[in-house]
Amino acid sequence: MSVQALPFGVYILAREADWARAHELGYWHTPALESEGFIHAASHEQVPGVYARHFADHVKVFVLKLDEAALVDYLQWDAHPVTGELYPHITAPIPLESVERVYEWPLEY
């Protein structure tokens, strides 16, 4: 799976049950928002690694492309404490209207 398959942008990876729950609520929210102050996200380049580290054991994972302009007041880029790599974080619940597109991962052609 090549990174070029995903358009440039910020993404959330979602387990099937969590994505269904977001539809019930009308927004995306994770426990990390309460405990860490933000929702973890990934750039298009980071999605494969995040999937491999945290989601590979799940049968169905959705990759949600976010509308960065709609979230500009809540989007911040923070350095990973060990690697220094910048990761996007969202500091508020994400309205479903801010999800531009949904992909099933891994992408298949």
PDB file of N, CA and C in Angstrom:
ATOM      1  N   MET A   1       0.842  -1.166   0.000  1.00  0.00           N
ATOM      2  CA  MET A   1       0.000   0.000   0.000  1.00  0.00           C
ATOM      3  C   MET A   1       0.887   1.229   0.000  1.00  0.00           C
ATOM      4  N   SER A   2       0.735   2.051  -0.962  1.00  0.00           N
ATOM      5  CA  SER A   2       1.587   3.231  -1.046  1.00  0.00           C
ATOM      6  C   SER A   2       0.913   4.429  -0.387  1.00  0.00           C
ATOM      7  N   VAL A   3       1.728   5.299   0.157  1.00  0.00           N
ATOM      8  CA  VAL A   3       1.227   6.522   0.768  1.00  0.00           C
ATOM      9  C   VAL A   3       0.539   7.389  -0.283  1.00  0.00           C
ATOM     10  N   GLN A   4       1.003   7.315  -1.519  1.00  0.00           N
ATOM     11  CA  GLN A   4       0.423   8.130  -2.577  1.00  0.00           C
ATOM     12  C   GLN A   4      -1.053   7.815  -2.796  1.00  0.00           C
ATOM     13  N   ALA A   5      -1.522   6.681  -2.281  1.00  0.00           N
ATOM     14  CA  ALA A   5      -2.923   6.318  -2.451  1.00  0.00           C
ATOM     15  C   ALA A   5      -3.853   7.244  -1.659  1.00  0.00           C
ATOM     16  N   LEU A   6      -3.341   7.864  -0.614  1.00  0.00           N
ATOM     17  CA  LEU A   6      -4.145   8.787   0.186  1.00  0.00           C
ATOM     18  C   LEU A   6      -3.817  10.224  -0.187  1.00  0.00           C
ATOM     19  N   PRO A   7      -4.837  11.055  -0.350  1.00  0.00           N
ATOM     20  CA  PRO A   7      -4.573  12.472  -0.606  1.00  0.00           C
ATOM     21  C   PRO A   7      -3.895  13.130   0.588  1.00  0.00           C
ATOM     22  N   PHE A   8      -3.139  14.174   0.323  1.00  0.00           N
ATOM     23  CA  PHE A   8      -2.490  14.971   1.362  1.00  0.00           C
ATOM     24  C   PHE A   8      -3.537  15.384   2.388  1.00  0.00           C
ATOM     25  N   GLY A   9      -3.220  15.285   3.658  1.00  0.00           N
ATOM     26  CA  GLY A   9      -4.173  15.739   4.661  1.00  0.00           C
ATOM     27  C   GLY A   9      -3.987  15.101   6.014  1.00  0.00           C
ATOM     28  N   VAL A  10      -4.979  15.346   6.875  1.00  0.00           N
ATOM     29  CA  VAL A  10      -5.006  14.839   8.239  1.00  0.00           C
ATOM     30  C   VAL A  10      -6.107  13.795   8.338  1.00  0.00           C
ATOM     31  N   TYR A  11      -5.787  12.701   9.044  1.00  0.00           N
ATOM     32  CA  TYR A  11      -6.676  11.546   9.110  1.00  0.00           C
ATOM     33  C   TYR A  11      -6.844  11.048  10.535  1.00  0.00           C
ATOM     34  N   ILE A  12      -7.970  10.395  10.768  1.00  0.00           N
ATOM     35  CA  ILE A  12      -8.247   9.642  11.988  1.00  0.00           C
ATOM     36  C   ILE A  12      -8.430   8.190  11.561  1.00  0.00           C
ATOM     37  N   LEU A  13      -7.870   7.265  12.317  1.00  0.00           N
ATOM     38  CA  LEU A  13      -8.113   5.850  12.086  1.00  0.00           C
ATOM     39  C   LEU A  13      -9.168   5.397  13.079  1.00  0.00           C
ATOM     40  N   ALA A  14     -10.163   4.648  12.599  1.00  0.00           N
ATOM     41  CA  ALA A  14     -11.305   4.288  13.434  1.00  0.00           C
ATOM     42  C   ALA A  14     -11.650   2.813  13.301  1.00  0.00           C
ATOM     43  N   ARG A  15     -11.778   2.153  14.417  1.00  0.00           N
ATOM     44  CA  ARG A  15     -12.296   0.791  14.419  1.00  0.00           C
ATOM     45  C   ARG A  15     -13.770   0.840  14.025  1.00  0.00           C
ATOM     46  N   GLU A  16     -14.269  -0.240  13.478  1.00  0.00           N
ATOM     47  CA  GLU A  16     -15.651  -0.276  12.990  1.00  0.00           C
ATOM     48  C   GLU A  16     -16.655   0.115  14.078  1.00  0.00           C
ATOM     49  N   ALA A  17     -16.523  -0.452  15.263  1.00  0.00           N
ATOM     50  CA  ALA A  17     -17.468  -0.143  16.344  1.00  0.00           C
ATOM     51  C   ALA A  17     -17.379   1.322  16.769  1.00  0.00           C
ATOM     52  N   ASP A  18     -16.180   1.869  16.780  1.00  0.00           N
ATOM     53  CA  ASP A  18     -16.005   3.275  17.167  1.00  0.00           C
ATOM     54  C   ASP A  18     -16.614   4.210  16.131  1.00  0.00           C
ATOM     55  N   TRP A  19     -16.503   3.859  14.856  1.00  0.00           N
ATOM     56  CA  TRP A  19     -17.085   4.672  13.789  1.00  0.00           C
ATOM     57  C   TRP A  19     -18.605   4.613  13.866  1.00  0.00           C
ATOM     58  N   ALA A  20     -19.147   3.440  14.173  1.00  0.00           N
ATOM     59  CA  ALA A  20     -20.597   3.312  14.336  1.00  0.00           C
ATOM     60  C   ALA A  20     -21.066   4.170  15.518  1.00  0.00           C
ATOM     61  N   ARG A  21     -20.300   4.169  16.594  1.00  0.00           N
ATOM     62  CA  ARG A  21     -20.641   4.984  17.768  1.00  0.00           C
ATOM     63  C   ARG A  21     -20.620   6.478  17.419  1.00  0.00           C
ATOM     64  N   ALA A  22     -19.668   6.893  16.617  1.00  0.00           N
ATOM     65  CA  ALA A  22     -19.606   8.301  16.194  1.00  0.00           C
ATOM     66  C   ALA A  22     -20.875   8.683  15.439  1.00  0.00           C
ATOM     67  N   HIS A  23     -21.394   7.773  14.638  1.00  0.00           N
ATOM     68  CA  HIS A  23     -22.640   8.059  13.920  1.00  0.00           C
ATOM     69  C   HIS A  23     -23.813   8.204  14.885  1.00  0.00           C
ATOM     70  N   GLU A  24     -23.817   7.427  15.947  1.00  0.00           N
ATOM     71  CA  GLU A  24     -24.873   7.560  16.958  1.00  0.00           C
ATOM     72  C   GLU A  24     -24.784   8.910  17.661  1.00  0.00           C
ATOM     73  N   LEU A  25     -23.560   9.348  17.964  1.00  0.00           N
ATOM     74  CA  LEU A  25     -23.347  10.594  18.690  1.00  0.00           C
ATOM     75  C   LEU A  25     -23.437  11.835  17.799  1.00  0.00           C
ATOM     76  N   GLY A  26     -23.038  11.669  16.528  1.00  0.00           N
ATOM     77  CA  GLY A  26     -22.986  12.804  15.614  1.00  0.00           C
ATOM     78  C   GLY A  26     -21.627  13.478  15.580  1.00  0.00           C
ATOM     79  N   TYR A  27     -20.660  12.920  16.302  1.00  0.00           N
ATOM     80  CA  TYR A  27     -19.307  13.473  16.318  1.00  0.00           C
ATOM     81  C   TYR A  27     -18.320  12.380  16.726  1.00  0.00           C
ATOM     82  N   TRP A  28     -17.030  12.621  16.421  1.00  0.00           N
ATOM     83  CA  TRP A  28     -15.958  11.697  16.792  1.00  0.00           C
ATOM     84  C   TRP A  28     -15.334  12.183  18.095  1.00  0.00           C
ATOM     85  N   HIS A  29     -15.233  11.272  19.037  1.00  0.00           N
ATOM     86  CA  HIS A  29     -14.685  11.586  20.355  1.00  0.00           C
ATOM     87  C   HIS A  29     -13.959  10.340  20.840  1.00  0.00           C
ATOM     88  N   THR A  30     -12.833  10.500  21.506  1.00  0.00           N
ATOM     89  CA  THR A  30     -12.112   9.366  22.063  1.00  0.00           C
ATOM     90  C   THR A  30     -11.777   9.641  23.525  1.00  0.00           C
ATOM     91  N   PRO A  31     -11.519   8.608  24.306  1.00  0.00           N
ATOM     92  CA  PRO A  31     -11.120   8.828  25.699  1.00  0.00           C
ATOM     93  C   PRO A  31      -9.852   9.688  25.825  1.00  0.00           C
ATOM     94  N   ALA A  32      -8.995   9.651  24.810  1.00  0.00           N
ATOM     95  CA  ALA A  32      -7.767  10.456  24.855  1.00  0.00           C
ATOM     96  C   ALA A  32      -8.068  11.948  24.946  1.00  0.00           C
ATOM     97  N   LEU A  33      -9.194  12.372  24.412  1.00  0.00           N
ATOM     98  CA  LEU A  33      -9.546  13.789  24.497  1.00  0.00           C
ATOM     99  C   LEU A  33      -9.675  14.205  25.969  1.00  0.00           C
ATOM    100  N   GLU A  34     -10.253  13.336  26.779  1.00  0.00           N
ATOM    101  CA  GLU A  34     -10.400  13.637  28.211  1.00  0.00           C
ATOM    102  C   GLU A  34      -9.086  13.443  28.960  1.00  0.00           C
ATOM    103  N   SER A  35      -8.375  12.359  28.668  1.00  0.00           N
ATOM    104  CA  SER A  35      -7.179  12.036  29.456  1.00  0.00           C
ATOM    105  C   SER A  35      -5.925  12.793  29.009  1.00  0.00           C
ATOM    106  N   GLU A  36      -5.821  13.084  27.703  1.00  0.00           N
ATOM    107  CA  GLU A  36      -4.617  13.742  27.183  1.00  0.00           C
ATOM    108  C   GLU A  36      -4.881  15.151  26.657  1.00  0.00           C
ATOM    109  N   GLY A  37      -6.149  15.479  26.474  1.00  0.00           N
ATOM    110  CA  GLY A  37      -6.502  16.806  25.987  1.00  0.00           C
ATOM    111  C   GLY A  37      -6.584  16.912  24.479  1.00  0.00           C
ATOM    112  N   PHE A  38      -6.485  15.787  23.775  1.00  0.00           N
ATOM    113  CA  PHE A  38      -6.577  15.815  22.317  1.00  0.00           C
ATOM    114  C   PHE A  38      -6.924  14.438  21.766  1.00  0.00           C
ATOM    115  N   ILE A  39      -7.396  14.445  20.527  1.00  0.00           N
ATOM    116  CA  ILE A  39      -7.656  13.226  19.765  1.00  0.00           C
ATOM    117  C   ILE A  39      -6.452  12.995  18.865  1.00  0.00           C
ATOM    118  N   HIS A  40      -5.923  11.791  18.892  1.00  0.00           N
ATOM    119  CA  HIS A  40      -4.776  11.455  18.052  1.00  0.00           C
ATOM    120  C   HIS A  40      -5.200  11.401  16.590  1.00  0.00           C
ATOM    121  N   ALA A  41      -4.380  11.962  15.716  1.00  0.00           N
ATOM    122  CA  ALA A  41      -4.616  11.929  14.280  1.00  0.00           C
ATOM    123  C   ALA A  41      -3.293  11.598  13.597  1.00  0.00           C
ATOM    124  N   ALA A  42      -3.311  11.544  12.277  1.00  0.00           N
ATOM    125  CA  ALA A  42      -2.106  11.211  11.511  1.00  0.00           C
ATOM    126  C   ALA A  42      -2.131  11.947  10.185  1.00  0.00           C
ATOM    127  N   SER A  43      -0.954  12.266   9.687  1.00  0.00           N
ATOM    128  CA  SER A  43      -0.858  12.806   8.324  1.00  0.00           C
ATOM    129  C   SER A  43      -1.031  11.647   7.352  1.00  0.00           C
ATOM    130  N   HIS A  44      -1.213  11.977   6.087  1.00  0.00           N
ATOM    131  CA  HIS A  44      -1.363  10.920   5.074  1.00  0.00           C
ATOM    132  C   HIS A  44      -0.140  10.008   5.062  1.00  0.00           C
ATOM    133  N   GLU A  45       1.032  10.551   5.351  1.00  0.00           N
ATOM    134  CA  GLU A  45       2.260   9.745   5.364  1.00  0.00           C
ATOM    135  C   GLU A  45       2.340   8.838   6.588  1.00  0.00           C
ATOM    136  N   GLN A  46       1.693   9.218   7.674  1.00  0.00           N
ATOM    137  CA  GLN A  46       1.773   8.472   8.922  1.00  0.00           C
ATOM    138  C   GLN A  46       0.737   7.357   9.047  1.00  0.00           C
ATOM    139  N   VAL A  47      -0.308   7.388   8.219  1.00  0.00           N
ATOM    140  CA  VAL A  47      -1.392   6.406   8.334  1.00  0.00           C
ATOM    141  C   VAL A  47      -0.891   4.959   8.306  1.00  0.00           C
ATOM    142  N   PRO A  48      -0.060   4.549   7.338  1.00  0.00           N
ATOM    143  CA  PRO A  48       0.371   3.135   7.337  1.00  0.00           C
ATOM    144  C   PRO A  48       1.068   2.713   8.623  1.00  0.00           C
ATOM    145  N   GLY A  49       1.920   3.550   9.177  1.00  0.00           N
ATOM    146  CA  GLY A  49       2.619   3.210  10.405  1.00  0.00           C
ATOM    147  C   GLY A  49       1.688   3.152  11.606  1.00  0.00           C
ATOM    148  N   VAL A  50       0.774   4.104  11.697  1.00  0.00           N
ATOM    149  CA  VAL A  50      -0.195   4.113  12.800  1.00  0.00           C
ATOM    150  C   VAL A  50      -1.071   2.862  12.712  1.00  0.00           C
ATOM    151  N   TYR A  51      -1.491   2.534  11.498  1.00  0.00           N
ATOM    152  CA  TYR A  51      -2.288   1.314  11.312  1.00  0.00           C
ATOM    153  C   TYR A  51      -1.495   0.093  11.782  1.00  0.00           C
ATOM    154  N   ALA A  52      -0.256  -0.040  11.337  1.00  0.00           N
ATOM    155  CA  ALA A  52       0.561  -1.205  11.684  1.00  0.00           C
ATOM    156  C   ALA A  52       0.781  -1.312  13.195  1.00  0.00           C
ATOM    157  N   ARG A  53       0.975  -0.187  13.869  1.00  0.00           N
ATOM    158  CA  ARG A  53       1.256  -0.205  15.310  1.00  0.00           C
ATOM    159  C   ARG A  53       0.021  -0.396  16.178  1.00  0.00           C
ATOM    160  N   HIS A  54      -1.134   0.120  15.740  1.00  0.00           N
ATOM    161  CA  HIS A  54      -2.288   0.163  16.638  1.00  0.00           C
ATOM    162  C   HIS A  54      -3.571  -0.506  16.136  1.00  0.00           C
ATOM    163  N   PHE A  55      -3.631  -0.831  14.842  1.00  0.00           N
ATOM    164  CA  PHE A  55      -4.906  -1.301  14.289  1.00  0.00           C
ATOM    165  C   PHE A  55      -4.813  -2.588  13.471  1.00  0.00           C
ATOM    166  N   ALA A  56      -3.638  -3.128  13.269  1.00  0.00           N
ATOM    167  CA  ALA A  56      -3.455  -4.266  12.359  1.00  0.00           C
ATOM    168  C   ALA A  56      -4.234  -5.505  12.791  1.00  0.00           C
ATOM    169  N   ASP A  57      -4.555  -5.619  14.061  1.00  0.00           N
ATOM    170  CA  ASP A  57      -5.282  -6.799  14.529  1.00  0.00           C
ATOM    171  C   ASP A  57      -6.796  -6.665  14.396  1.00  0.00           C
ATOM    172  N   HIS A  58      -7.270  -5.563  13.808  1.00  0.00           N
ATOM    173  CA  HIS A  58      -8.703  -5.360  13.623  1.00  0.00           C
ATOM    174  C   HIS A  58      -9.105  -5.701  12.190  1.00  0.00           C
ATOM    175  N   VAL A  59     -10.252  -6.348  12.065  1.00  0.00           N
ATOM    176  CA  VAL A  59     -10.711  -6.800  10.751  1.00  0.00           C
ATOM    177  C   VAL A  59     -11.060  -5.622   9.850  1.00  0.00           C
ATOM    178  N   LYS A  60     -11.768  -4.651  10.391  1.00  0.00           N
ATOM    179  CA  LYS A  60     -12.191  -3.506   9.579  1.00  0.00           C
ATOM    180  C   LYS A  60     -11.787  -2.215  10.274  1.00  0.00           C
ATOM    181  N   VAL A  61     -11.023  -1.406   9.555  1.00  0.00           N
ATOM    182  CA  VAL A  61     -10.590  -0.103  10.060  1.00  0.00           C
ATOM    183  C   VAL A  61     -10.944   0.940   9.004  1.00  0.00           C
ATOM    184  N   PHE A  62     -11.484   2.045   9.455  1.00  0.00           N
ATOM    185  CA  PHE A  62     -11.798   3.150   8.559  1.00  0.00           C
ATOM    186  C   PHE A  62     -10.773   4.256   8.753  1.00  0.00           C
ATOM    187  N   VAL A  63     -10.415   4.890   7.657  1.00  0.00           N
ATOM    188  CA  VAL A  63      -9.511   6.031   7.675  1.00  0.00           C
ATOM    189  C   VAL A  63     -10.343   7.241   7.265  1.00  0.00           C
ATOM    190  N   LEU A  64     -10.457   8.200   8.166  1.00  0.00           N
ATOM    191  CA  LEU A  64     -11.324   9.354   7.970  1.00  0.00           C
ATOM    192  C   LEU A  64     -10.488  10.568   7.603  1.00  0.00           C
ATOM    193  N   LYS A  65     -10.691  11.079   6.396  1.00  0.00           N
ATOM    194  CA  LYS A  65      -9.981  12.300   5.989  1.00  0.00           C
ATOM    195  C   LYS A  65     -10.737  13.492   6.543  1.00  0.00           C
ATOM    196  N   LEU A  66     -10.023  14.319   7.278  1.00  0.00           N
ATOM    197  CA  LEU A  66     -10.642  15.460   7.937  1.00  0.00           C
ATOM    198  C   LEU A  66     -10.525  16.734   7.111  1.00  0.00           C
ATOM    199  N   ASP A  67     -11.509  17.592   7.266  1.00  0.00           N
ATOM    200  CA  ASP A  67     -11.499  18.922   6.659  1.00  0.00           C
ATOM    201  C   ASP A  67     -10.699  19.831   7.593  1.00  0.00           C
ATOM    202  N   GLU A  68      -9.449  20.048   7.249  1.00  0.00           N
ATOM    203  CA  GLU A  68      -8.567  20.835   8.111  1.00  0.00           C
ATOM    204  C   GLU A  68      -9.075  22.267   8.306  1.00  0.00           C
ATOM    205  N   ALA A  69      -9.660  22.848   7.289  1.00  0.00           N
ATOM    206  CA  ALA A  69     -10.162  24.219   7.402  1.00  0.00           C
ATOM    207  C   ALA A  69     -11.278  24.304   8.442  1.00  0.00           C
ATOM    208  N   ALA A  70     -12.115  23.281   8.505  1.00  0.00           N
ATOM    209  CA  ALA A  70     -13.217  23.283   9.469  1.00  0.00           C
ATOM    210  C   ALA A  70     -12.709  23.100  10.905  1.00  0.00           C
ATOM    211  N   LEU A  71     -11.518  22.524  11.039  1.00  0.00           N
ATOM    212  CA  LEU A  71     -10.965  22.231  12.368  1.00  0.00           C
ATOM    213  C   LEU A  71      -9.776  23.113  12.729  1.00  0.00           C
ATOM    214  N   VAL A  72      -9.538  24.165  11.964  1.00  0.00           N
ATOM    215  CA  VAL A  72      -8.331  24.971  12.132  1.00  0.00           C
ATOM    216  C   VAL A  72      -8.147  25.483  13.566  1.00  0.00           C
ATOM    217  N   ASP A  73      -9.227  25.789  14.257  1.00  0.00           N
ATOM    218  CA  ASP A  73      -9.116  26.294  15.630  1.00  0.00           C
ATOM    219  C   ASP A  73      -8.774  25.194  16.640  1.00  0.00           C
ATOM    220  N   TYR A  74      -8.883  23.936  16.211  1.00  0.00           N
ATOM    221  CA  TYR A  74      -8.671  22.799  17.118  1.00  0.00           C
ATOM    222  C   TYR A  74      -7.538  21.877  16.687  1.00  0.00           C
ATOM    223  N   LEU A  75      -6.857  22.217  15.606  1.00  0.00           N
ATOM    224  CA  LEU A  75      -5.786  21.379  15.063  1.00  0.00           C
ATOM    225  C   LEU A  75      -4.434  21.919  15.510  1.00  0.00           C
ATOM    226  N   GLN A  76      -3.648  21.047  16.114  1.00  0.00           N
ATOM    227  CA  GLN A  76      -2.286  21.431  16.492  1.00  0.00           C
ATOM    228  C   GLN A  76      -1.348  20.293  16.121  1.00  0.00           C
ATOM    229  N   TRP A  77      -0.101  20.634  15.860  1.00  0.00           N
ATOM    230  CA  TRP A  77       0.932  19.653  15.518  1.00  0.00           C
ATOM    231  C   TRP A  77       1.920  19.602  16.673  1.00  0.00           C
ATOM    232  N   ASP A  78       2.080  18.414  17.239  1.00  0.00           N
ATOM    233  CA  ASP A  78       2.958  18.243  18.386  1.00  0.00           C
ATOM    234  C   ASP A  78       4.032  17.205  18.081  1.00  0.00           C
ATOM    235  N   ALA A  79       5.208  17.436  18.628  1.00  0.00           N
ATOM    236  CA  ALA A  79       6.328  16.510  18.434  1.00  0.00           C
ATOM    237  C   ALA A  79       6.161  15.276  19.313  1.00  0.00           C
ATOM    238  N   HIS A  80       6.405  14.115  18.724  1.00  0.00           N
ATOM    239  CA  HIS A  80       6.420  12.865  19.489  1.00  0.00           C
ATOM    240  C   HIS A  80       7.562  12.968  20.498  1.00  0.00           C
ATOM    241  N   PRO A  81       7.330  12.579  21.756  1.00  0.00           N
ATOM    242  CA  PRO A  81       8.362  12.780  22.786  1.00  0.00           C
ATOM    243  C   PRO A  81       9.658  12.001  22.557  1.00  0.00           C
ATOM    244  N   VAL A  82       9.606  10.922  21.788  1.00  0.00           N
ATOM    245  CA  VAL A  82      10.811  10.125  21.554  1.00  0.00           C
ATOM    246  C   VAL A  82      11.433  10.429  20.196  1.00  0.00           C
ATOM    247  N   THR A  83      10.599  10.411  19.141  1.00  0.00           N
ATOM    248  CA  THR A  83      11.145  10.557  17.783  1.00  0.00           C
ATOM    249  C   THR A  83      11.217  12.000  17.306  1.00  0.00           C
ATOM    250  N   GLY A  84      10.413  12.874  17.905  1.00  0.00           N
ATOM    251  CA  GLY A  84      10.368  14.257  17.450  1.00  0.00           C
ATOM    252  C   GLY A  84       9.488  14.461  16.227  1.00  0.00           C
ATOM    253  N   GLU A  85       8.958  13.374  15.662  1.00  0.00           N
ATOM    254  CA  GLU A  85       8.081  13.481  14.489  1.00  0.00           C
ATOM    255  C   GLU A  85       6.812  14.240  14.882  1.00  0.00           C
ATOM    256  N   LEU A  86       6.376  15.156  14.019  1.00  0.00           N
ATOM    257  CA  LEU A  86       5.179  15.940  14.294  1.00  0.00           C
ATOM    258  C   LEU A  86       3.918  15.154  13.950  1.00  0.00           C
ATOM    259  N   TYR A  87       2.998  15.100  14.902  1.00  0.00           N
ATOM    260  CA  TYR A  87       1.706  14.438  14.704  1.00  0.00           C
ATOM    261  C   TYR A  87       0.592  15.454  14.902  1.00  0.00           C
ATOM    262  N   PRO A  88      -0.475  15.351  14.092  1.00  0.00           N
ATOM    263  CA  PRO A  88      -1.621  16.233  14.288  1.00  0.00           C
ATOM    264  C   PRO A  88      -2.472  15.754  15.457  1.00  0.00           C
ATOM    265  N   HIS A  89      -2.958  16.696  16.235  1.00  0.00           N
ATOM    266  CA  HIS A  89      -3.859  16.418  17.340  1.00  0.00           C
ATOM    267  C   HIS A  89      -5.049  17.373  17.226  1.00  0.00           C
ATOM    268  N   ILE A  90      -6.223  16.861  17.561  1.00  0.00           N
ATOM    269  CA  ILE A  90      -7.447  17.648  17.519  1.00  0.00           C
ATOM    270  C   ILE A  90      -7.901  17.841  18.964  1.00  0.00           C
ATOM    271  N   THR A  91      -8.116  19.093  19.378  1.00  0.00           N
ATOM    272  CA  THR A  91      -8.384  19.389  20.784  1.00  0.00           C
ATOM    273  C   THR A  91      -9.864  19.562  21.114  1.00  0.00           C
ATOM    274  N   ALA A  92     -10.744  19.011  20.275  1.00  0.00           N
ATOM    275  CA  ALA A  92     -12.185  19.087  20.517  1.00  0.00           C
ATOM    276  C   ALA A  92     -12.851  17.905  19.816  1.00  0.00           C
ATOM    277  N   PRO A  93     -14.087  17.570  20.217  1.00  0.00           N
ATOM    278  CA  PRO A  93     -14.806  16.541  19.458  1.00  0.00           C
ATOM    279  C   PRO A  93     -14.910  16.960  17.992  1.00  0.00           C
ATOM    280  N   ILE A  94     -14.893  15.990  17.101  1.00  0.00           N
ATOM    281  CA  ILE A  94     -14.899  16.268  15.662  1.00  0.00           C
ATOM    282  C   ILE A  94     -16.299  16.031  15.105  1.00  0.00           C
ATOM    283  N   PRO A  95     -16.993  17.087  14.660  1.00  0.00           N
ATOM    284  CA  PRO A  95     -18.312  16.891  14.052  1.00  0.00           C
ATOM    285  C   PRO A  95     -18.184  16.024  12.795  1.00  0.00           C
ATOM    286  N   LEU A  96     -19.147  15.161  12.564  1.00  0.00           N
ATOM    287  CA  LEU A  96     -19.081  14.295  11.392  1.00  0.00           C
ATOM    288  C   LEU A  96     -19.059  15.097  10.089  1.00  0.00           C
ATOM    289  N   GLU A  97     -19.580  16.315  10.126  1.00  0.00           N
ATOM    290  CA  GLU A  97     -19.536  17.179   8.941  1.00  0.00           C
ATOM    291  C   GLU A  97     -18.098  17.544   8.567  1.00  0.00           C
ATOM    292  N   SER A  98     -17.173  17.380   9.512  1.00  0.00           N
ATOM    293  CA  SER A  98     -15.763  17.689   9.251  1.00  0.00           C
ATOM    294  C   SER A  98     -14.998  16.505   8.677  1.00  0.00           C
ATOM    295  N   VAL A  99     -15.681  15.398   8.452  1.00  0.00           N
ATOM    296  CA  VAL A  99     -15.063  14.235   7.800  1.00  0.00           C
ATOM    297  C   VAL A  99     -15.366  14.342   6.305  1.00  0.00           C
ATOM    298  N   GLU A 100     -14.314  14.574   5.509  1.00  0.00           N
ATOM    299  CA  GLU A 100     -14.483  14.776   4.072  1.00  0.00           C
ATOM    300  C   GLU A 100     -14.703  13.479   3.307  1.00  0.00           C
ATOM    301  N   ARG A 101     -14.020  12.428   3.752  1.00  0.00           N
ATOM    302  CA  ARG A 101     -14.082  11.168   3.024  1.00  0.00           C
ATOM    303  C   ARG A 101     -13.721  10.034   3.971  1.00  0.00           C
ATOM    304  N   VAL A 102     -14.271   8.858   3.687  1.00  0.00           N
ATOM    305  CA  VAL A 102     -13.998   7.676   4.502  1.00  0.00           C
ATOM    306  C   VAL A 102     -13.442   6.585   3.597  1.00  0.00           C
ATOM    307  N   TYR A 103     -12.294   6.035   4.004  1.00  0.00           N
ATOM    308  CA  TYR A 103     -11.671   4.921   3.293  1.00  0.00           C
ATOM    309  C   TYR A 103     -11.678   3.701   4.201  1.00  0.00           C
ATOM    310  N   GLU A 104     -11.775   2.520   3.615  1.00  0.00           N
ATOM    311  CA  GLU A 104     -11.567   1.313   4.380  1.00  0.00           C
ATOM    312  C   GLU A 104     -10.109   0.917   4.214  1.00  0.00           C
ATOM    313  N   TRP A 105      -9.442   0.593   5.325  1.00  0.00           N
ATOM    314  CA  TRP A 105      -8.014   0.280   5.284  1.00  0.00           C
ATOM    315  C   TRP A 105      -7.803  -1.172   5.631  1.00  0.00           C
ATOM    316  N   PRO A 106      -6.871  -1.861   5.015  1.00  0.00           N
ATOM    317  CA  PRO A 106      -5.990  -1.324   3.983  1.00  0.00           C
ATOM    318  C   PRO A 106      -6.732  -1.119   2.662  1.00  0.00           C
ATOM    319  N   LEU A 107      -6.283  -0.130   1.918  1.00  0.00           N
ATOM    320  CA  LEU A 107      -6.889   0.163   0.621  1.00  0.00           C
ATOM    321  C   LEU A 107      -6.655  -0.998  -0.320  1.00  0.00           C
ATOM    322  N   GLU A 108      -7.653  -1.299  -1.117  1.00  0.00           N
ATOM    323  CA  GLU A 108      -7.507  -2.370  -2.108  1.00  0.00           C
ATOM    324  C   GLU A 108      -7.883  -1.835  -3.472  1.00  0.00           C
ATOM    325  N   TYR A 109      -7.125  -2.261  -4.451  1.00  0.00           N
ATOM    326  CA  TYR A 109      -7.384  -1.812  -5.837  1.00  0.00           C
ATOM    327  C   TYR A 109      -7.679  -2.983  -6.719  1.00  0.00           C
TER     328      TYR A 109
END
